[in-house]
Amino acid sequence: DGFFSVNLDAVRTGLRGSNDENVRWNM
């Protein structure tokens, strides 16, 4: 429908893994 879902735990290049702070910055 023109929308796609994204994973809020996605990790940008240079980071090892996700946590609460990673989710906040993605938001």
PDB file of all heavy atoms in Angstrom:
ATOM      1  N   ASP A   1       0.820  -1.218   0.000  1.00  0.00           N
ATOM      2  CA  ASP A   1       0.000   0.000   0.000  1.00  0.00           C
ATOM      3  C   ASP A   1       0.852   1.264   0.000  1.00  0.00           C
ATOM      4  O   ASP A   1       0.387   2.346   0.362  1.00  0.00           O
ATOM      5  CB  ASP A   1      -0.895   0.011   1.241  1.00  0.00           C
ATOM      6  CG  ASP A   1      -0.122  -0.191   2.534  1.00  0.00           C
ATOM      7  OD1 ASP A   1       1.118  -0.283   2.457  1.00  0.00           O
ATOM      8  OD2 ASP A   1      -0.757  -0.246   3.607  1.00  0.00           O
ATOM      9  N   GLY A   2       2.109   1.138  -0.425  1.00  0.00           N
ATOM     10  CA  GLY A   2       2.987   2.301  -0.437  1.00  0.00           C
ATOM     11  C   GLY A   2       3.791   2.458   0.839  1.00  0.00           C
ATOM     12  O   GLY A   2       4.698   3.282   0.899  1.00  0.00           O
ATOM     13  N   PHE A   3       3.452   1.664   1.862  1.00  0.00           N
ATOM     14  CA  PHE A   3       4.197   1.686   3.112  1.00  0.00           C
ATOM     15  C   PHE A   3       5.108   0.471   3.189  1.00  0.00           C
ATOM     16  O   PHE A   3       4.811  -0.573   2.613  1.00  0.00           O
ATOM     17  CB  PHE A   3       3.249   1.658   4.322  1.00  0.00           C
ATOM     18  CG  PHE A   3       2.593   2.975   4.623  1.00  0.00           C
ATOM     19  CD1 PHE A   3       1.425   3.340   3.973  1.00  0.00           C
ATOM     20  CD2 PHE A   3       3.137   3.837   5.560  1.00  0.00           C
ATOM     21  CE1 PHE A   3       0.804   4.555   4.257  1.00  0.00           C
ATOM     22  CE2 PHE A   3       2.530   5.041   5.846  1.00  0.00           C
ATOM     23  CZ  PHE A   3       1.365   5.410   5.200  1.00  0.00           C
ATOM     24  N   PHE A   4       6.202   0.600   3.900  1.00  0.00           N
ATOM     25  CA  PHE A   4       7.026  -0.556   4.221  1.00  0.00           C
ATOM     26  C   PHE A   4       7.434  -0.447   5.692  1.00  0.00           C
ATOM     27  O   PHE A   4       7.505   0.650   6.260  1.00  0.00           O
ATOM     28  CB  PHE A   4       8.260  -0.667   3.316  1.00  0.00           C
ATOM     29  CG  PHE A   4       9.144   0.553   3.282  1.00  0.00           C
ATOM     30  CD1 PHE A   4      10.113   0.773   4.265  1.00  0.00           C
ATOM     31  CD2 PHE A   4       9.018   1.484   2.262  1.00  0.00           C
ATOM     32  CE1 PHE A   4      10.925   1.881   4.237  1.00  0.00           C
ATOM     33  CE2 PHE A   4       9.831   2.612   2.220  1.00  0.00           C
ATOM     34  CZ  PHE A   4      10.790   2.809   3.214  1.00  0.00           C
ATOM     35  N   SER A   5       7.669  -1.579   6.310  1.00  0.00           N
ATOM     36  CA  SER A   5       8.064  -1.583   7.716  1.00  0.00           C
ATOM     37  C   SER A   5       9.581  -1.534   7.812  1.00  0.00           C
ATOM     38  O   SER A   5      10.294  -1.996   6.925  1.00  0.00           O
ATOM     39  CB  SER A   5       7.532  -2.829   8.419  1.00  0.00           C
ATOM     40  OG  SER A   5       8.080  -3.995   7.829  1.00  0.00           O
ATOM     41  N   VAL A   6      10.074  -0.936   8.908  1.00  0.00           N
ATOM     42  CA  VAL A   6      11.514  -0.898   9.164  1.00  0.00           C
ATOM     43  C   VAL A   6      11.772  -1.503  10.540  1.00  0.00           C
ATOM     44  O   VAL A   6      10.892  -1.509  11.407  1.00  0.00           O
ATOM     45  CB  VAL A   6      12.078   0.536   9.101  1.00  0.00           C
ATOM     46  CG1 VAL A   6      11.990   1.093   7.701  1.00  0.00           C
ATOM     47  CG2 VAL A   6      11.378   1.453  10.103  1.00  0.00           C
ATOM     48  N   ASN A   7      12.963  -2.000  10.724  1.00  0.00           N
ATOM     49  CA  ASN A   7      13.358  -2.620  11.980  1.00  0.00           C
ATOM     50  C   ASN A   7      14.035  -1.574  12.866  1.00  0.00           C
ATOM     51  O   ASN A   7      15.128  -1.103  12.555  1.00  0.00           O
ATOM     52  CB  ASN A   7      14.307  -3.786  11.698  1.00  0.00           C
ATOM     53  CG  ASN A   7      14.749  -4.485  12.972  1.00  0.00           C
ATOM     54  OD1 ASN A   7      14.253  -4.192  14.059  1.00  0.00           O
ATOM     55  ND2 ASN A   7      15.689  -5.411  12.837  1.00  0.00           N
ATOM     56  N   LEU A   8      13.383  -1.197  13.983  1.00  0.00           N
ATOM     57  CA  LEU A   8      13.949  -0.175  14.857  1.00  0.00           C
ATOM     58  C   LEU A   8      15.252  -0.622  15.507  1.00  0.00           C
ATOM     59  O   LEU A   8      15.999   0.209  16.040  1.00  0.00           O
ATOM     60  CB  LEU A   8      12.935   0.207  15.945  1.00  0.00           C
ATOM     61  CG  LEU A   8      11.821   1.157  15.513  1.00  0.00           C
ATOM     62  CD1 LEU A   8      10.819   1.359  16.632  1.00  0.00           C
ATOM     63  CD2 LEU A   8      12.402   2.494  15.072  1.00  0.00           C
ATOM     64  N   ASP A   9      15.540  -1.894  15.486  1.00  0.00           N
ATOM     65  CA  ASP A   9      16.809  -2.389  16.028  1.00  0.00           C
ATOM     66  C   ASP A   9      17.922  -2.381  14.980  1.00  0.00           C
ATOM     67  O   ASP A   9      19.034  -2.856  15.265  1.00  0.00           O
ATOM     68  CB  ASP A   9      16.638  -3.812  16.570  1.00  0.00           C
ATOM     69  CG  ASP A   9      16.044  -3.827  17.965  1.00  0.00           C
ATOM     70  OD1 ASP A   9      16.491  -3.024  18.792  1.00  0.00           O
ATOM     71  OD2 ASP A   9      15.125  -4.629  18.206  1.00  0.00           O
ATOM     72  N   ALA A  10      17.645  -1.860  13.791  1.00  0.00           N
ATOM     73  CA  ALA A  10      18.672  -1.819  12.749  1.00  0.00           C
ATOM     74  C   ALA A  10      19.911  -1.079  13.252  1.00  0.00           C
ATOM     75  O   ALA A  10      19.803  -0.063  13.953  1.00  0.00           O
ATOM     76  CB  ALA A  10      18.121  -1.145  11.499  1.00  0.00           C
ATOM     77  N   VAL A  11      21.086  -1.579  12.895  1.00  0.00           N
ATOM     78  CA  VAL A  11      22.350  -1.028  13.409  1.00  0.00           C
ATOM     79  C   VAL A  11      23.122  -0.388  12.267  1.00  0.00           C
ATOM     80  O   VAL A  11      23.390  -1.037  11.245  1.00  0.00           O
ATOM     81  CB  VAL A  11      23.199  -2.138  14.067  1.00  0.00           C
ATOM     82  CG1 VAL A  11      24.523  -1.563  14.568  1.00  0.00           C
ATOM     83  CG2 VAL A  11      22.427  -2.795  15.200  1.00  0.00           C
ATOM     84  N   ARG A  12      23.447   0.895  12.443  1.00  0.00           N
ATOM     85  CA  ARG A  12      24.210   1.593  11.405  1.00  0.00           C
ATOM     86  C   ARG A  12      25.647   1.076  11.366  1.00  0.00           C
ATOM     87  O   ARG A  12      26.148   0.454  12.318  1.00  0.00           O
ATOM     88  CB  ARG A  12      24.211   3.105  11.659  1.00  0.00           C
ATOM     89  CG  ARG A  12      24.971   3.534  12.893  1.00  0.00           C
ATOM     90  CD  ARG A  12      25.202   5.039  12.910  1.00  0.00           C
ATOM     91  NE  ARG A  12      25.821   5.490  14.144  1.00  0.00           N
ATOM     92  CZ  ARG A  12      27.101   5.430  14.418  1.00  0.00           C
ATOM     93  NH1 ARG A  12      27.932   4.882  13.533  1.00  0.00           N
ATOM     94  NH2 ARG A  12      27.567   5.877  15.569  1.00  0.00           N
ATOM     95  N   THR A  13      26.331   1.362  10.274  1.00  0.00           N
ATOM     96  CA  THR A  13      27.735   0.984  10.116  1.00  0.00           C
ATOM     97  C   THR A  13      28.572   1.614  11.227  1.00  0.00           C
ATOM     98  O   THR A  13      28.447   2.804  11.521  1.00  0.00           O
ATOM     99  CB  THR A  13      28.265   1.464   8.745  1.00  0.00           C
ATOM    100  OG1 THR A  13      27.445   0.902   7.713  1.00  0.00           O
ATOM    101  CG2 THR A  13      29.707   1.032   8.549  1.00  0.00           C
ATOM    102  N   GLY A  14      29.407   0.796  11.845  1.00  0.00           N
ATOM    103  CA  GLY A  14      30.275   1.294  12.911  1.00  0.00           C
ATOM    104  C   GLY A  14      29.828   0.904  14.299  1.00  0.00           C
ATOM    105  O   GLY A  14      30.585   1.070  15.262  1.00  0.00           O
ATOM    106  N   LEU A  15      28.588   0.387  14.425  1.00  0.00           N
ATOM    107  CA  LEU A  15      28.094  -0.066  15.723  1.00  0.00           C
ATOM    108  C   LEU A  15      28.059  -1.589  15.756  1.00  0.00           C
ATOM    109  O   LEU A  15      27.837  -2.236  14.737  1.00  0.00           O
ATOM    110  CB  LEU A  15      26.690   0.488  16.004  1.00  0.00           C
ATOM    111  CG  LEU A  15      26.568   1.998  16.227  1.00  0.00           C
ATOM    112  CD1 LEU A  15      25.119   2.354  16.543  1.00  0.00           C
ATOM    113  CD2 LEU A  15      27.475   2.467  17.359  1.00  0.00           C
ATOM    114  N   ARG A  16      28.224  -2.159  16.964  1.00  0.00           N
ATOM    115  CA  ARG A  16      28.278  -3.620  17.088  1.00  0.00           C
ATOM    116  C   ARG A  16      26.899  -4.255  17.196  1.00  0.00           C
ATOM    117  O   ARG A  16      26.662  -5.334  16.671  1.00  0.00           O
ATOM    118  CB  ARG A  16      29.123  -4.001  18.309  1.00  0.00           C
ATOM    119  CG  ARG A  16      30.591  -3.648  18.162  1.00  0.00           C
ATOM    120  CD  ARG A  16      31.386  -4.139  19.350  1.00  0.00           C
ATOM    121  NE  ARG A  16      32.811  -3.892  19.186  1.00  0.00           N
ATOM    122  CZ  ARG A  16      33.740  -4.231  20.073  1.00  0.00           C
ATOM    123  NH1 ARG A  16      33.368  -4.859  21.194  1.00  0.00           N
ATOM    124  NH2 ARG A  16      35.003  -3.969  19.868  1.00  0.00           N
ATOM    125  N   GLY A  17      25.996  -3.607  17.944  1.00  0.00           N
ATOM    126  CA  GLY A  17      24.690  -4.219  18.144  1.00  0.00           C
ATOM    127  C   GLY A  17      23.692  -3.197  18.659  1.00  0.00           C
ATOM    128  O   GLY A  17      24.029  -2.056  18.950  1.00  0.00           O
ATOM    129  N   SER A  18      22.441  -3.647  18.789  1.00  0.00           N
ATOM    130  CA  SER A  18      21.382  -2.735  19.195  1.00  0.00           C
ATOM    131  C   SER A  18      21.154  -2.779  20.701  1.00  0.00           C
ATOM    132  O   SER A  18      21.472  -3.758  21.372  1.00  0.00           O
ATOM    133  CB  SER A  18      20.081  -3.086  18.473  1.00  0.00           C
ATOM    134  OG  SER A  18      19.061  -2.151  18.787  1.00  0.00           O
ATOM    135  N   ASN A  19      20.599  -1.675  21.225  1.00  0.00           N
ATOM    136  CA  ASN A  19      20.162  -1.585  22.609  1.00  0.00           C
ATOM    137  C   ASN A  19      19.106  -0.485  22.681  1.00  0.00           C
ATOM    138  O   ASN A  19      18.692   0.057  21.647  1.00  0.00           O
ATOM    139  CB  ASN A  19      21.343  -1.291  23.551  1.00  0.00           C
ATOM    140  CG  ASN A  19      22.138  -0.065  23.113  1.00  0.00           C
ATOM    141  OD1 ASN A  19      21.612   0.830  22.443  1.00  0.00           O
ATOM    142  ND2 ASN A  19      23.402  -0.025  23.488  1.00  0.00           N
ATOM    143  N   ASP A  20      18.659  -0.141  23.892  1.00  0.00           N
ATOM    144  CA  ASP A  20      17.638   0.893  24.035  1.00  0.00           C
ATOM    145  C   ASP A  20      18.077   2.208  23.401  1.00  0.00           C
ATOM    146  O   ASP A  20      17.292   2.892  22.753  1.00  0.00           O
ATOM    147  CB  ASP A  20      17.333   1.155  25.519  1.00  0.00           C
ATOM    148  CG  ASP A  20      16.658  -0.031  26.177  1.00  0.00           C
ATOM    149  OD1 ASP A  20      16.329  -0.991  25.458  1.00  0.00           O
ATOM    150  OD2 ASP A  20      16.468  -0.005  27.408  1.00  0.00           O
ATOM    151  N   GLU A  21      19.337   2.560  23.606  1.00  0.00           N
ATOM    152  CA  GLU A  21      19.833   3.835  23.087  1.00  0.00           C
ATOM    153  C   GLU A  21      19.861   3.826  21.559  1.00  0.00           C
ATOM    154  O   GLU A  21      19.554   4.839  20.907  1.00  0.00           O
ATOM    155  CB  GLU A  21      21.239   4.100  23.645  1.00  0.00           C
ATOM    156  CG  GLU A  21      21.740   5.514  23.440  1.00  0.00           C
ATOM    157  CD  GLU A  21      20.941   6.565  24.202  1.00  0.00           C
ATOM    158  OE1 GLU A  21      20.134   6.195  25.085  1.00  0.00           O
ATOM    159  OE2 GLU A  21      21.122   7.753  23.897  1.00  0.00           O
ATOM    160  N   ASN A  22      20.196   2.699  20.957  1.00  0.00           N
ATOM    161  CA  ASN A  22      20.192   2.599  19.496  1.00  0.00           C
ATOM    162  C   ASN A  22      18.786   2.806  18.944  1.00  0.00           C
ATOM    163  O   ASN A  22      18.596   3.506  17.929  1.00  0.00           O
ATOM    164  CB  ASN A  22      20.732   1.229  19.070  1.00  0.00           C
ATOM    165  CG  ASN A  22      20.768   1.070  17.567  1.00  0.00           C
ATOM    166  OD1 ASN A  22      21.434   1.820  16.859  1.00  0.00           O
ATOM    167  ND2 ASN A  22      20.011   0.104  17.051  1.00  0.00           N
ATOM    168  N   VAL A  23      17.773   2.218  19.613  1.00  0.00           N
ATOM    169  CA  VAL A  23      16.386   2.390  19.182  1.00  0.00           C
ATOM    170  C   VAL A  23      15.991   3.865  19.276  1.00  0.00           C
ATOM    171  O   VAL A  23      15.344   4.411  18.368  1.00  0.00           O
ATOM    172  CB  VAL A  23      15.441   1.519  20.031  1.00  0.00           C
ATOM    173  CG1 VAL A  23      13.980   1.846  19.732  1.00  0.00           C
ATOM    174  CG2 VAL A  23      15.706   0.046  19.773  1.00  0.00           C
ATOM    175  N   ARG A  24      16.384   4.534  20.374  1.00  0.00           N
ATOM    176  CA  ARG A  24      16.048   5.958  20.530  1.00  0.00           C
ATOM    177  C   ARG A  24      16.644   6.795  19.404  1.00  0.00           C
ATOM    178  O   ARG A  24      15.995   7.678  18.856  1.00  0.00           O
ATOM    179  CB  ARG A  24      16.544   6.473  21.881  1.00  0.00           C
ATOM    180  CG  ARG A  24      15.777   5.935  23.077  1.00  0.00           C
ATOM    181  CD  ARG A  24      16.159   6.697  24.343  1.00  0.00           C
ATOM    182  NE  ARG A  24      15.477   6.143  25.490  1.00  0.00           N
ATOM    183  CZ  ARG A  24      15.983   5.249  26.317  1.00  0.00           C
ATOM    184  NH1 ARG A  24      17.201   4.779  26.092  1.00  0.00           N
ATOM    185  NH2 ARG A  24      15.294   4.803  27.341  1.00  0.00           N
ATOM    186  N   TRP A  25      17.899   6.526  19.076  1.00  0.00           N
ATOM    187  CA  TRP A  25      18.536   7.316  18.022  1.00  0.00           C
ATOM    188  C   TRP A  25      17.953   6.995  16.645  1.00  0.00           C
ATOM    189  O   TRP A  25      17.860   7.879  15.784  1.00  0.00           O
ATOM    190  CB  TRP A  25      20.051   7.098  18.046  1.00  0.00           C
ATOM    191  CG  TRP A  25      20.723   7.920  19.107  1.00  0.00           C
ATOM    192  CD1 TRP A  25      21.197   7.493  20.305  1.00  0.00           C
ATOM    193  CD2 TRP A  25      20.939   9.334  19.071  1.00  0.00           C
ATOM    194  NE1 TRP A  25      21.706   8.545  21.020  1.00  0.00           N
ATOM    195  CE2 TRP A  25      21.563   9.684  20.292  1.00  0.00           C
ATOM    196  CE3 TRP A  25      20.675  10.333  18.145  1.00  0.00           C
ATOM    197  CZ2 TRP A  25      21.932  11.000  20.584  1.00  0.00           C
ATOM    198  CZ3 TRP A  25      21.035  11.644  18.443  1.00  0.00           C
ATOM    199  CH2 TRP A  25      21.653  11.967  19.651  1.00  0.00           C
ATOM    200  N   ASN A  26      17.561   5.761  16.411  1.00  0.00           N
ATOM    201  CA  ASN A  26      16.863   5.443  15.161  1.00  0.00           C
ATOM    202  C   ASN A  26      15.548   6.205  15.072  1.00  0.00           C
ATOM    203  O   ASN A  26      15.175   6.716  14.012  1.00  0.00           O
ATOM    204  CB  ASN A  26      16.605   3.939  15.056  1.00  0.00           C
ATOM    205  CG  ASN A  26      17.830   3.167  14.601  1.00  0.00           C
ATOM    206  OD1 ASN A  26      18.768   3.753  14.047  1.00  0.00           O
ATOM    207  ND2 ASN A  26      17.847   1.867  14.834  1.00  0.00           N
ATOM    208  N   MET A  27      14.841   6.284  16.219  1.00  0.00           N
ATOM    209  CA  MET A  27      13.599   7.055  16.242  1.00  0.00           C
ATOM    210  C   MET A  27      13.877   8.526  15.958  1.00  0.00           C
ATOM    211  O   MET A  27      13.126   9.193  15.244  1.00  0.00           O
ATOM    212  CB  MET A  27      12.917   6.917  17.608  1.00  0.00           C
ATOM    213  CG  MET A  27      12.180   5.614  17.814  1.00  0.00           C
ATOM    214  SD  MET A  27      10.797   5.405  16.657  1.00  0.00           S
ATOM    215  CE  MET A  27       9.928   6.949  16.886  1.00  0.00           C
TER     216      MET A  27
END
